[in-house]
């Protein structure tokens, strides 16, 4: 299945497929949109017009040959994750291993919950489980691929061998790396119950860490061992981060740590302040936005920068207001995987 063209006009995806690929038939899940009749532009071409959004991206990706099952095991569990750079769809357990490979090897996204770009969908359509496995499992012996009965360490060994070592590609040695039985932590995607999305983030009245000019702030969000960072907003003590971040949720009682940093091109970046936010309320209201506003606890250096000094008389756009706290605001939305 090859993509001929994919367009997005702001509200609708129009995807033109060529289903002629080594004789493979077009596979479609039972809930996928019905494709139009073959286009007059050529036999085998299928034009599919979809409304924009995550669900539609999911439907497009699931139409690719082989994508009705996980690329890396025979357990038969439905794919709910994908590796956007490798071009395969994965079950929950295999996706957990892919996350441990690192984003330099595999970039894992949720098929249903993450926002997919047109470029990412295009890359997934031009690969798919059937095509990728034809290359990376060309010399795979029978019985090696993980099953529902496989241990977590066996699953990780197979996936590392397949993607990091190319052990099962043509000419591969077929060897599996040693993976300690206790090295595969259940803290990966295997135990995740959902995702928390953070959007519409902004801050007010940040401290001037640069003395003569406003700070260059960025935000880091931490949940468990995960962290995500926003872009840097230059010279702005009231920044707005127009982006969406997401973190996996293992436990709805977890606390989200918020860090606001000042970027510096010469010296190390400086931490302005921190805050801790409970995600429990958002998790109790799946798919509903929860607004959060929290005061930053300033670091000792940031607190010193708030004291009056001779620099206070110097002109500085967006200067810190000592009578007001530093505030961070954002919207949380929890999407359950169950």
Protein backbone atom coordinates (compact mmCIF):
# COMPACT_ATOMS: atom_id res chain seq x y z
CA UNK A 1 0.00 0.00 0.00
CA UNK A 2 1.66 3.22 -1.14
CA UNK A 3 0.46 6.72 -0.51
CA UNK A 4 0.01 8.74 -3.66
CA UNK A 5 -1.00 12.03 -2.09
CA UNK A 6 -2.16 13.33 1.29
CA UNK A 7 -3.64 16.79 1.69
CA UNK A 8 -5.07 18.72 4.62
CA UNK A 9 -7.15 21.86 4.14
CA UNK A 10 -7.63 22.63 7.83
CA UNK A 11 -10.65 20.42 8.36
CA UNK A 12 -10.38 17.42 6.03
CA UNK A 13 -7.65 14.92 5.15
CA UNK A 14 -7.74 13.64 1.59
CA UNK A 15 -5.56 10.58 1.16
CA UNK A 16 -4.94 8.87 -2.17
CA UNK A 17 -3.60 5.31 -1.83
CA UNK A 18 -2.13 2.91 -4.35
CA UNK A 19 -2.98 -0.58 -3.12
CA UNK A 20 -0.69 -2.36 -5.56
CA UNK A 21 2.16 -3.67 -3.40
CA UNK A 22 3.63 -7.07 -4.25
CA UNK A 23 0.14 -8.53 -4.60
CA UNK A 24 -0.94 -7.76 -1.05
CA UNK A 25 -4.61 -7.02 -0.67
CA UNK A 26 -5.82 -3.95 1.17
CA UNK A 27 -6.69 -4.88 4.75
CA UNK A 28 -9.27 -2.88 6.64
CA UNK A 29 -10.46 -3.25 10.22
CA UNK A 30 -14.18 -3.68 10.75
CA UNK A 31 -14.57 -0.14 12.05
CA UNK A 32 -12.52 1.57 9.34
CA UNK A 33 -14.21 4.06 6.98
CA UNK A 34 -15.38 2.61 3.70
CA UNK A 35 -13.08 3.54 0.84
CA UNK A 36 -14.45 4.93 -2.36
CA UNK A 37 -14.49 2.92 -5.55
CA UNK A 38 -11.21 2.80 -7.48
CA UNK A 39 -10.39 6.18 -8.90
CA UNK A 40 -10.45 6.64 -12.68
CA UNK A 41 -6.90 7.90 -12.36
CA UNK A 42 -5.69 4.29 -12.31
CA UNK A 43 -6.53 0.77 -11.19
CA UNK A 44 -5.61 0.05 -7.60
CA UNK A 45 -5.87 3.66 -6.51
CA UNK A 46 -8.20 4.32 -3.60
CA UNK A 47 -9.21 7.78 -2.52
CA UNK A 48 -10.22 8.26 1.11
CA UNK A 49 -11.52 11.53 2.47
CA UNK A 50 -11.63 11.89 6.24
CA UNK A 51 -12.43 14.58 8.77
CA UNK A 52 -9.31 15.70 10.62
CA UNK A 53 -8.50 14.28 14.03
CA UNK A 54 -6.88 11.44 15.93
CA UNK A 55 -9.61 8.90 15.21
CA UNK A 56 -9.30 9.45 11.47
CA UNK A 57 -5.52 9.14 11.57
CA UNK A 58 -6.00 5.86 13.40
CA UNK A 59 -8.34 4.60 10.69
CA UNK A 60 -5.93 5.51 7.90
CA UNK A 61 -2.98 3.82 9.61
CA UNK A 62 -4.95 0.67 10.43
CA UNK A 63 -5.76 0.18 6.73
CA UNK A 64 -2.11 -0.53 5.90
CA UNK A 65 -1.35 -4.24 5.22
CA UNK A 66 -0.49 -6.14 8.38
CA UNK A 67 -1.62 -3.39 10.74
CA UNK A 68 -4.54 -5.30 12.21
CA UNK A 69 -2.12 -7.11 14.56
CA UNK A 70 1.02 -6.18 16.49
CA UNK A 71 4.24 -6.17 14.46
CA UNK A 72 6.34 -7.79 17.17
CA UNK A 73 4.32 -10.59 18.78
CA UNK A 74 1.67 -13.20 18.06
CA UNK A 75 -0.38 -12.60 21.20
CA UNK A 76 -3.30 -11.33 19.13
CA UNK A 77 -3.90 -8.20 21.18
CA UNK A 78 -5.14 -5.21 19.13
CA UNK A 79 -2.59 -2.54 18.25
CA UNK A 80 -3.08 0.64 20.28
CA UNK A 81 0.37 2.20 19.80
CA UNK A 82 2.67 2.84 16.87
CA UNK A 83 6.30 3.63 16.19
CA UNK A 84 6.02 6.68 13.95
CA UNK A 85 9.58 6.44 12.62
CA UNK A 86 9.75 2.65 12.19
CA UNK A 87 6.29 2.55 10.60
CA UNK A 88 4.75 -0.29 12.62
CA UNK A 89 1.78 -0.64 14.97
CA UNK A 90 2.15 -2.31 18.35
CA UNK A 91 0.23 -3.82 21.24
CA UNK A 92 0.53 -2.28 24.70
CA UNK A 93 3.21 -4.70 25.93
CA UNK A 94 5.47 -4.35 22.90
CA UNK A 95 5.07 -0.56 22.93
CA UNK A 96 6.46 -0.59 26.47
CA UNK A 97 9.66 -2.20 25.20
CA UNK A 98 9.89 0.26 22.30
CA UNK A 99 9.83 3.14 24.77
CA UNK A 100 12.84 1.65 26.53
CA UNK A 101 14.75 1.54 23.25
CA UNK A 102 14.84 5.35 23.27
CA UNK A 103 13.44 7.84 20.77
CA UNK A 104 16.60 7.58 18.67
CA UNK A 105 15.43 4.04 17.81
CA UNK A 106 11.63 4.17 18.14
CA UNK A 107 9.25 7.10 18.57
CA UNK A 108 6.10 5.72 20.19
CA UNK A 109 2.73 7.44 19.73
CA UNK A 110 -0.79 6.44 20.68
CA UNK A 111 -2.96 5.58 17.70
CA UNK A 112 -6.06 6.99 19.39
CA UNK A 113 -4.87 9.70 21.73
CA UNK A 114 -1.89 11.49 20.20
CA UNK A 115 -2.17 14.13 17.49
CA UNK A 116 -0.62 12.90 14.24
CA UNK A 117 0.81 15.21 11.61
CA UNK A 118 0.18 14.64 7.92
CA UNK A 119 3.87 13.78 7.51
CA UNK A 120 3.71 11.13 10.24
CA UNK A 121 0.57 9.53 8.77
CA UNK A 122 2.21 9.55 5.33
CA UNK A 123 5.31 7.78 6.70
CA UNK A 124 3.16 5.14 8.43
CA UNK A 125 1.13 4.47 5.27
CA UNK A 126 4.27 4.01 3.19
CA UNK A 127 5.60 1.35 5.59
CA UNK A 128 3.34 -0.80 7.75
CA UNK A 129 3.80 -4.12 9.52
CA UNK A 130 3.81 -6.29 6.40
CA UNK A 131 6.50 -4.33 4.58
CA UNK A 132 8.69 -3.70 7.64
CA UNK A 133 8.53 -7.32 8.79
CA UNK A 134 9.33 -8.55 5.28
CA UNK A 135 12.68 -6.82 5.73
CA UNK A 136 13.43 -7.13 9.44
CA UNK A 137 12.09 -10.70 9.82
CA UNK A 138 13.34 -12.07 6.49
CA UNK A 139 15.35 -14.85 8.16
CA UNK A 140 13.25 -15.29 11.31
CA UNK A 141 13.01 -18.90 12.42
CA UNK A 142 9.68 -20.39 13.48
CA UNK A 143 8.83 -20.10 17.17
CA UNK A 144 11.17 -17.19 17.92
CA UNK A 145 8.60 -14.41 17.82
CA UNK A 146 7.04 -13.66 21.24
CA UNK A 147 3.62 -15.05 22.06
CA UNK A 148 1.08 -14.45 24.80
CA UNK A 149 3.04 -16.91 26.98
CA UNK A 150 6.40 -15.14 26.53
CA UNK A 151 8.06 -13.47 29.49
CA UNK A 152 8.73 -9.75 29.53
CA UNK A 153 12.48 -10.34 29.20
CA UNK A 154 11.95 -12.65 26.18
CA UNK A 155 9.81 -9.97 24.54
CA UNK A 156 12.44 -7.31 25.11
CA UNK A 157 15.24 -9.54 23.82
CA UNK A 158 13.34 -10.19 20.58
CA UNK A 159 12.49 -6.53 19.97
CA UNK A 160 16.05 -5.37 20.68
CA UNK A 161 17.40 -8.03 18.36
CA UNK A 162 14.97 -7.06 15.62
CA UNK A 163 15.42 -3.28 15.64
CA UNK A 164 18.81 -2.62 17.24
CA UNK A 165 20.81 -5.59 15.89
CA UNK A 166 18.87 -6.54 12.72
CA UNK A 167 19.34 -10.14 13.84
CA UNK A 168 16.46 -11.47 11.71
CA UNK A 169 17.02 -9.44 8.56
CA UNK A 170 18.56 -11.07 5.51
CA UNK A 171 22.08 -12.05 6.50
CA UNK A 172 21.40 -11.57 10.23
CA UNK A 173 22.86 -13.98 12.75
CA UNK A 174 19.52 -14.70 14.44
CA UNK A 175 21.01 -14.14 17.87
CA UNK A 176 19.06 -12.70 20.80
CA UNK A 177 20.78 -10.34 23.24
CA UNK A 178 20.92 -11.27 26.90
CA UNK A 179 18.26 -9.46 28.92
CA UNK A 180 18.16 -9.98 32.67
CA UNK A 181 14.85 -11.32 33.94
CA UNK A 182 14.40 -8.36 36.27
CA UNK A 183 15.46 -5.66 33.83
CA UNK A 184 12.11 -5.27 32.15
CA UNK A 185 10.27 -3.03 34.56
CA UNK A 186 6.50 -3.01 34.68
CA UNK A 187 6.74 0.77 34.96
CA UNK A 188 6.69 0.99 31.16
CA UNK A 189 3.61 1.25 28.98
CA UNK A 190 2.55 -2.19 30.23
CA UNK A 191 1.23 -0.61 33.40
CA UNK A 192 0.02 2.72 32.03
CA UNK A 193 -3.69 3.39 32.48
CA UNK A 194 -3.89 6.47 30.29
CA UNK A 195 -2.32 9.70 29.11
CA UNK A 196 -2.48 13.17 30.57
CA UNK A 197 -2.43 16.01 28.05
CA UNK A 198 -1.14 19.46 29.01
CA UNK A 199 -2.10 22.40 26.82
CA UNK A 200 -2.78 26.15 26.89
CA UNK A 201 0.14 26.62 29.28
CA UNK A 202 1.18 30.11 30.29
CA UNK A 203 2.91 31.91 33.15
CA UNK A 204 2.52 35.34 34.71
CA UNK A 205 4.93 37.62 36.48
CA UNK A 206 8.09 35.56 36.23
CA UNK A 207 11.29 36.81 37.83
CA UNK A 208 13.85 38.68 35.73
CA UNK A 209 16.76 36.25 35.93
CA UNK A 210 18.68 38.25 33.30
CA UNK A 211 18.79 41.50 35.32
CA UNK A 212 18.45 43.95 32.44
CA UNK A 213 15.84 42.08 30.43
CA UNK A 214 12.95 39.70 30.96
CA UNK A 215 13.69 36.00 31.33
CA UNK A 216 13.75 33.50 28.46
CA UNK A 217 11.46 30.91 30.03
CA UNK A 218 10.64 27.35 29.17
CA UNK A 219 8.66 24.77 31.14
CA UNK A 220 9.56 21.19 32.04
CA UNK A 221 6.83 18.80 33.19
CA UNK A 222 7.74 15.64 35.09
CA UNK A 223 5.55 12.67 35.96
CA UNK A 224 7.34 9.72 37.52
CA UNK A 225 10.46 9.10 35.43
CA UNK A 226 9.09 10.93 32.38
CA UNK A 227 9.67 14.54 31.43
CA UNK A 228 8.59 16.84 28.62
CA UNK A 229 9.84 20.31 27.73
CA UNK A 230 8.21 23.23 25.97
CA UNK A 231 9.95 25.58 23.58
CA UNK A 232 11.74 28.68 24.90
CA UNK A 233 9.93 32.02 24.79
CA UNK A 234 12.42 34.85 24.44
CA UNK A 235 12.34 37.98 26.61
CA UNK A 236 8.94 37.45 28.17
CA UNK A 237 7.99 37.28 31.84
CA UNK A 238 4.41 36.43 30.84
CA UNK A 239 5.04 33.59 28.36
CA UNK A 240 2.44 31.58 26.49
CA UNK A 241 3.42 28.13 25.22
CA UNK A 242 1.17 27.33 22.27
CA UNK A 243 1.81 23.61 22.20
CA UNK A 244 0.47 20.38 23.67
CA UNK A 245 2.50 17.92 25.74
CA UNK A 246 1.51 14.44 26.91
CA UNK A 247 2.74 12.07 29.60
CA UNK A 248 1.80 8.49 30.39
CA UNK A 249 -0.09 7.89 33.61
CA UNK A 250 0.72 4.78 35.65
CA UNK A 251 -1.22 5.84 38.75
CA UNK A 252 -3.94 8.49 38.95
CA UNK A 253 -2.60 9.56 42.36
CA UNK A 254 0.69 10.71 40.85
CA UNK A 255 1.85 14.29 41.26
CA UNK A 256 2.89 16.39 38.28
CA UNK A 257 6.04 18.45 38.89
CA UNK A 258 6.26 21.77 37.06
CA UNK A 259 9.61 23.51 36.57
CA UNK A 260 10.09 26.92 34.96
CA UNK A 261 13.61 27.58 33.68
CA UNK A 262 15.40 30.58 32.21
CA UNK A 263 17.38 29.69 29.09
CA UNK A 264 20.85 31.16 28.77
CA UNK A 265 23.02 31.04 25.67
CA UNK A 266 26.29 31.46 27.57
CA UNK A 267 25.97 30.11 31.10
CA UNK A 268 23.90 27.12 32.32
CA UNK A 269 20.13 27.52 32.36
CA UNK A 270 18.73 28.64 35.70
CA UNK A 271 15.72 27.25 37.51
CA UNK A 272 13.22 30.01 38.34
CA UNK A 273 10.73 28.04 40.38
CA UNK A 274 8.74 24.84 40.83
CA UNK A 275 5.23 23.69 41.63
CA UNK A 276 3.56 20.35 42.27
CA UNK A 277 0.10 19.57 40.90
CA UNK A 278 -2.18 16.60 41.60
CA UNK A 279 -3.58 14.95 38.48
CA UNK A 280 -6.31 13.14 40.45
CA UNK A 281 -9.07 15.60 39.60
CA UNK A 282 -8.32 15.45 35.88
CA UNK A 283 -8.13 11.63 35.96
CA UNK A 284 -11.52 11.48 37.69
CA UNK A 285 -13.04 13.36 34.73
CA UNK A 286 -11.76 11.54 31.60
CA UNK A 287 -11.77 13.55 28.38
CA UNK A 288 -12.90 16.68 30.24
CA UNK A 289 -10.52 19.67 30.54
CA UNK A 290 -9.40 20.66 34.04
CA UNK A 291 -7.97 24.14 34.51
CA UNK A 292 -4.97 24.48 36.83
CA UNK A 293 -3.46 27.66 38.28
CA UNK A 294 -0.63 27.27 40.75
CA UNK A 295 1.87 29.60 42.40
CA UNK A 296 5.55 28.96 41.77
CA UNK A 297 7.86 28.32 44.68
CA UNK A 298 10.87 30.44 43.74
CA UNK A 299 14.40 29.13 44.01
CA UNK A 300 16.73 30.98 46.42
CA UNK A 301 18.44 32.81 43.56
CA UNK A 302 15.14 33.78 41.96
CA UNK A 303 13.93 35.08 45.31
CA UNK A 304 17.05 37.21 45.66
CA UNK A 305 16.39 38.66 42.24
CA UNK A 306 13.04 40.00 43.48
CA UNK A 307 14.66 42.26 46.09
CA UNK A 308 14.85 46.01 45.43
CA UNK A 309 18.18 47.17 44.07
CA UNK A 310 19.63 49.96 42.04
CA UNK A 311 18.74 47.92 38.96
CA UNK A 312 15.05 48.42 39.69
CA UNK A 313 15.24 51.91 38.26
CA UNK A 314 16.53 50.66 34.92
CA UNK A 315 13.95 50.32 32.14
CA UNK A 316 12.93 46.69 31.60
CA UNK A 317 9.88 45.63 29.68
CA UNK A 318 7.86 43.08 31.62
CA UNK A 319 9.62 43.72 34.93
CA UNK A 320 8.73 41.51 37.89
CA UNK A 321 5.98 42.89 40.14
CA UNK A 322 6.99 42.29 43.76
CA UNK A 323 3.41 42.66 44.98
CA UNK A 324 2.19 39.72 42.89
CA UNK A 325 3.14 36.01 42.89
CA UNK A 326 4.54 34.10 39.93
CA UNK A 327 1.74 31.96 38.52
CA UNK A 328 1.64 29.04 36.07
CA UNK A 329 -1.60 28.06 34.37
CA UNK A 330 -2.48 25.20 32.05
CA UNK A 331 -5.24 22.78 31.09
CA UNK A 332 -5.11 19.08 31.93
CA UNK A 333 -7.08 16.39 30.11
CA UNK A 334 -6.86 12.67 30.94
CA UNK A 335 -7.61 10.02 28.35
CA UNK A 336 -8.03 6.49 29.68
CA UNK A 337 -6.60 3.54 27.76
CA UNK A 338 -9.19 1.17 29.17
